[in-house]
Amino acid sequence: MPKGYWIAQNDVNDPETYEKYKAASGAAFQKFGAKFLVRGGRYKALQGNIRGRHVVIEFESYEQALECYNSPEYQEAAKWRKGASEGDIVIVEGA
């Protein structure tokens, strides 16, 4: 079965509040077996509109990635992200 991935790019406007989001979201990520492949780090923008922070999270399946995003645990944590950052999240099925 193909794995599922969250691919996120965002700009953090309020680092203190964003840290609260990261702490609160940990319970959902742990519950759904998330594995962080990319979390911030050095990058070089080569094409397009690139944001300042990049995150790639691996899940055992596409369905599990969707379940994590839609879970009450994650949705509660995501409230901290609103206003603290602007960005995009896409969930994709792996090859």
N, C-alpha and C. Protein backbone atom coordinates (compact mmCIF):
# COMPACT_ATOMS: atom_id res chain seq x y z
N MET A 1 0.85 -1.18 0.00
CA MET A 1 0.00 0.00 0.00
C MET A 1 0.89 1.24 0.00
N PRO A 2 0.62 2.22 -0.88
CA PRO A 2 1.41 3.45 -0.91
C PRO A 2 1.26 4.26 0.38
N LYS A 3 2.31 4.93 0.74
CA LYS A 3 2.28 5.80 1.92
C LYS A 3 1.58 7.10 1.57
N GLY A 4 1.22 7.85 2.61
CA GLY A 4 0.62 9.17 2.44
C GLY A 4 1.56 10.22 3.01
N TYR A 5 1.52 11.39 2.43
CA TYR A 5 2.42 12.47 2.84
C TYR A 5 1.68 13.79 2.97
N TRP A 6 2.01 14.52 4.03
CA TRP A 6 1.63 15.93 4.12
C TRP A 6 2.83 16.69 3.58
N ILE A 7 2.57 17.63 2.70
CA ILE A 7 3.59 18.54 2.23
C ILE A 7 3.09 19.94 2.55
N ALA A 8 3.83 20.64 3.39
CA ALA A 8 3.40 21.96 3.84
C ALA A 8 4.48 23.00 3.60
N GLN A 9 4.05 24.18 3.20
CA GLN A 9 4.93 25.34 3.12
C GLN A 9 4.22 26.47 3.81
N ASN A 10 4.93 27.16 4.69
CA ASN A 10 4.29 28.29 5.35
C ASN A 10 5.30 29.34 5.73
N ASP A 11 4.77 30.52 6.01
CA ASP A 11 5.53 31.64 6.55
C ASP A 11 5.03 31.86 7.97
N VAL A 12 5.94 31.84 8.91
CA VAL A 12 5.58 32.01 10.31
C VAL A 12 5.62 33.50 10.65
N ASN A 13 4.47 34.03 11.10
CA ASN A 13 4.35 35.44 11.45
C ASN A 13 4.51 35.68 12.95
N ASP A 14 4.21 34.67 13.74
CA ASP A 14 4.25 34.78 15.20
C ASP A 14 4.92 33.51 15.74
N PRO A 15 6.25 33.52 15.86
CA PRO A 15 6.97 32.31 16.27
C PRO A 15 6.56 31.76 17.63
N GLU A 16 6.23 32.62 18.57
CA GLU A 16 5.84 32.15 19.91
C GLU A 16 4.54 31.34 19.85
N THR A 17 3.55 31.84 19.14
CA THR A 17 2.29 31.12 19.00
C THR A 17 2.46 29.88 18.14
N TYR A 18 3.31 29.95 17.12
CA TYR A 18 3.55 28.79 16.27
C TYR A 18 4.17 27.64 17.07
N GLU A 19 5.00 27.96 18.04
CA GLU A 19 5.56 26.92 18.91
C GLU A 19 4.45 26.22 19.70
N LYS A 20 3.42 26.96 20.08
CA LYS A 20 2.28 26.34 20.77
C LYS A 20 1.55 25.38 19.84
N TYR A 21 1.42 25.75 18.56
CA TYR A 21 0.82 24.85 17.57
C TYR A 21 1.64 23.57 17.45
N LYS A 22 2.95 23.72 17.33
CA LYS A 22 3.82 22.54 17.19
C LYS A 22 3.68 21.61 18.40
N ALA A 23 3.65 22.18 19.58
CA ALA A 23 3.52 21.36 20.80
C ALA A 23 2.15 20.67 20.84
N ALA A 24 1.10 21.40 20.51
CA ALA A 24 -0.26 20.85 20.58
C ALA A 24 -0.50 19.79 19.50
N SER A 25 0.12 19.93 18.36
CA SER A 25 -0.11 18.99 17.26
C SER A 25 0.61 17.66 17.47
N GLY A 26 1.53 17.61 18.38
CA GLY A 26 2.30 16.40 18.63
C GLY A 26 1.45 15.19 18.97
N ALA A 27 0.38 15.39 19.72
CA ALA A 27 -0.50 14.27 20.11
C ALA A 27 -1.14 13.62 18.88
N ALA A 28 -1.59 14.42 17.94
CA ALA A 28 -2.20 13.88 16.72
C ALA A 28 -1.16 13.15 15.88
N PHE A 29 0.01 13.74 15.74
CA PHE A 29 1.05 13.11 14.94
C PHE A 29 1.49 11.78 15.55
N GLN A 30 1.59 11.74 16.84
CA GLN A 30 1.96 10.49 17.51
C GLN A 30 0.86 9.44 17.33
N LYS A 31 -0.39 9.85 17.53
CA LYS A 31 -1.52 8.93 17.42
C LYS A 31 -1.58 8.26 16.04
N PHE A 32 -1.23 9.01 14.99
CA PHE A 32 -1.35 8.51 13.63
C PHE A 32 -0.02 8.05 13.03
N GLY A 33 0.99 7.92 13.87
CA GLY A 33 2.27 7.37 13.41
C GLY A 33 3.04 8.22 12.43
N ALA A 34 2.93 9.54 12.56
CA ALA A 34 3.62 10.45 11.63
C ALA A 34 5.13 10.35 11.78
N LYS A 35 5.81 10.44 10.64
CA LYS A 35 7.27 10.46 10.62
C LYS A 35 7.68 11.72 9.87
N PHE A 36 8.37 12.62 10.56
CA PHE A 36 8.80 13.86 9.93
C PHE A 36 10.04 13.60 9.08
N LEU A 37 9.93 13.86 7.78
CA LEU A 37 11.06 13.72 6.86
C LEU A 37 11.76 15.04 6.66
N VAL A 38 11.00 16.12 6.67
CA VAL A 38 11.53 17.48 6.55
C VAL A 38 10.78 18.34 7.55
N ARG A 39 11.53 19.13 8.31
CA ARG A 39 10.89 20.03 9.28
C ARG A 39 11.77 21.27 9.41
N GLY A 40 11.47 22.26 8.54
CA GLY A 40 12.33 23.44 8.51
C GLY A 40 13.60 23.12 7.76
N GLY A 41 14.69 23.67 8.19
CA GLY A 41 15.98 23.37 7.59
C GLY A 41 16.36 24.28 6.43
N ARG A 42 17.56 24.09 6.01
CA ARG A 42 18.14 24.89 4.94
C ARG A 42 17.49 24.54 3.61
N TYR A 43 17.31 25.54 2.75
CA TYR A 43 16.73 25.29 1.42
C TYR A 43 17.21 26.35 0.45
N LYS A 44 17.07 26.08 -0.83
CA LYS A 44 17.35 27.03 -1.89
C LYS A 44 16.14 27.06 -2.80
N ALA A 45 15.53 28.22 -2.93
CA ALA A 45 14.37 28.38 -3.81
C ALA A 45 14.84 28.42 -5.26
N LEU A 46 14.28 27.54 -6.08
CA LEU A 46 14.69 27.45 -7.48
C LEU A 46 13.63 27.92 -8.46
N GLN A 47 12.35 27.83 -8.06
CA GLN A 47 11.30 28.19 -9.00
C GLN A 47 10.01 28.42 -8.24
N GLY A 48 9.22 29.36 -8.68
CA GLY A 48 7.88 29.57 -8.13
C GLY A 48 7.86 30.41 -6.87
N ASN A 49 6.69 30.45 -6.26
CA ASN A 49 6.47 31.20 -5.02
C ASN A 49 6.78 30.29 -3.85
N ILE A 50 7.86 30.54 -3.18
CA ILE A 50 8.35 29.67 -2.11
C ILE A 50 8.18 30.37 -0.77
N ARG A 51 7.66 29.64 0.19
CA ARG A 51 7.51 30.16 1.54
C ARG A 51 8.75 29.81 2.37
N GLY A 52 8.81 30.33 3.57
CA GLY A 52 10.01 30.22 4.39
C GLY A 52 10.19 28.94 5.19
N ARG A 53 9.14 28.17 5.39
CA ARG A 53 9.25 26.94 6.18
C ARG A 53 8.64 25.79 5.39
N HIS A 54 9.31 24.64 5.41
CA HIS A 54 8.89 23.48 4.64
C HIS A 54 8.81 22.28 5.55
N VAL A 55 7.74 21.49 5.40
CA VAL A 55 7.53 20.31 6.23
C VAL A 55 7.00 19.19 5.34
N VAL A 56 7.60 18.00 5.48
CA VAL A 56 7.10 16.80 4.81
C VAL A 56 6.93 15.74 5.89
N ILE A 57 5.72 15.20 6.00
CA ILE A 57 5.41 14.20 7.02
C ILE A 57 4.89 12.95 6.33
N GLU A 58 5.46 11.81 6.71
CA GLU A 58 5.08 10.52 6.12
C GLU A 58 4.13 9.77 7.04
N PHE A 59 3.12 9.14 6.43
CA PHE A 59 2.16 8.28 7.14
C PHE A 59 2.14 6.93 6.43
N GLU A 60 1.67 5.92 7.11
CA GLU A 60 1.62 4.57 6.54
C GLU A 60 0.71 4.48 5.32
N SER A 61 -0.27 5.38 5.22
CA SER A 61 -1.17 5.37 4.06
C SER A 61 -1.75 6.76 3.84
N TYR A 62 -2.28 6.95 2.65
CA TYR A 62 -2.97 8.20 2.30
C TYR A 62 -4.15 8.42 3.24
N GLU A 63 -4.89 7.34 3.50
CA GLU A 63 -6.07 7.44 4.37
C GLU A 63 -5.67 7.87 5.78
N GLN A 64 -4.57 7.33 6.28
CA GLN A 64 -4.10 7.69 7.61
C GLN A 64 -3.69 9.16 7.67
N ALA A 65 -3.08 9.65 6.61
CA ALA A 65 -2.70 11.07 6.54
C ALA A 65 -3.94 11.95 6.60
N LEU A 66 -4.99 11.57 5.87
CA LEU A 66 -6.24 12.32 5.90
C LEU A 66 -6.90 12.24 7.28
N GLU A 67 -6.89 11.04 7.88
CA GLU A 67 -7.49 10.87 9.20
C GLU A 67 -6.80 11.76 10.23
N CYS A 68 -5.48 11.85 10.15
CA CYS A 68 -4.75 12.70 11.09
C CYS A 68 -5.19 14.15 10.93
N TYR A 69 -5.21 14.64 9.69
CA TYR A 69 -5.59 16.04 9.45
C TYR A 69 -7.00 16.33 9.97
N ASN A 70 -7.91 15.42 9.75
CA ASN A 70 -9.31 15.63 10.13
C ASN A 70 -9.61 15.26 11.57
N SER A 71 -8.64 14.75 12.30
CA SER A 71 -8.87 14.31 13.68
C SER A 71 -9.17 15.48 14.60
N PRO A 72 -9.97 15.25 15.64
CA PRO A 72 -10.23 16.31 16.62
C PRO A 72 -8.94 16.82 17.26
N GLU A 73 -7.97 15.94 17.46
CA GLU A 73 -6.70 16.35 18.07
C GLU A 73 -5.96 17.36 17.20
N TYR A 74 -5.89 17.06 15.90
CA TYR A 74 -5.17 17.98 15.02
C TYR A 74 -5.96 19.27 14.81
N GLN A 75 -7.26 19.16 14.61
CA GLN A 75 -8.06 20.36 14.38
C GLN A 75 -8.01 21.32 15.58
N GLU A 76 -7.94 20.76 16.78
CA GLU A 76 -7.79 21.62 17.97
C GLU A 76 -6.44 22.31 17.95
N ALA A 77 -5.39 21.58 17.63
CA ALA A 77 -4.04 22.16 17.56
C ALA A 77 -3.94 23.21 16.46
N ALA A 78 -4.62 22.98 15.34
CA ALA A 78 -4.54 23.89 14.19
C ALA A 78 -5.06 25.28 14.51
N LYS A 79 -5.86 25.40 15.54
CA LYS A 79 -6.34 26.73 15.95
C LYS A 79 -5.18 27.64 16.31
N TRP A 80 -4.09 27.08 16.85
CA TRP A 80 -2.91 27.87 17.19
C TRP A 80 -2.20 28.37 15.93
N ARG A 81 -2.30 27.62 14.84
CA ARG A 81 -1.62 27.97 13.60
C ARG A 81 -2.25 29.19 12.94
N LYS A 82 -3.58 29.33 13.09
CA LYS A 82 -4.29 30.46 12.46
C LYS A 82 -3.78 31.78 13.05
N GLY A 83 -3.34 32.65 12.19
CA GLY A 83 -2.81 33.93 12.63
C GLY A 83 -1.32 33.86 12.94
N ALA A 84 -0.81 32.69 13.32
CA ALA A 84 0.62 32.55 13.61
C ALA A 84 1.40 32.27 12.33
N SER A 85 0.71 31.74 11.32
CA SER A 85 1.39 31.45 10.06
C SER A 85 0.38 31.47 8.92
N GLU A 86 0.93 31.61 7.72
CA GLU A 86 0.14 31.53 6.50
C GLU A 86 0.80 30.47 5.63
N GLY A 87 0.01 29.61 5.01
CA GLY A 87 0.65 28.61 4.19
C GLY A 87 -0.29 27.67 3.49
N ASP A 88 0.30 26.64 2.95
CA ASP A 88 -0.41 25.65 2.15
C ASP A 88 -0.05 24.26 2.66
N ILE A 89 -1.04 23.38 2.69
CA ILE A 89 -0.83 21.97 3.02
C ILE A 89 -1.52 21.14 1.94
N VAL A 90 -0.82 20.16 1.44
CA VAL A 90 -1.41 19.22 0.50
C VAL A 90 -1.11 17.82 1.03
N ILE A 91 -2.06 16.91 0.88
CA ILE A 91 -1.86 15.52 1.25
C ILE A 91 -1.82 14.73 -0.05
N VAL A 92 -0.75 13.96 -0.22
CA VAL A 92 -0.56 13.22 -1.46
C VAL A 92 -0.28 11.75 -1.17
N GLU A 93 -0.66 10.91 -2.12
CA GLU A 93 -0.35 9.49 -2.04
C GLU A 93 1.00 9.25 -2.67
N GLY A 94 1.83 8.47 -2.01
CA GLY A 94 3.17 8.18 -2.51
C GLY A 94 3.15 7.19 -3.67
N ALA A 95 4.28 7.11 -4.33
CA ALA A 95 4.43 6.21 -5.48
C ALA A 95 4.55 4.77 -5.03
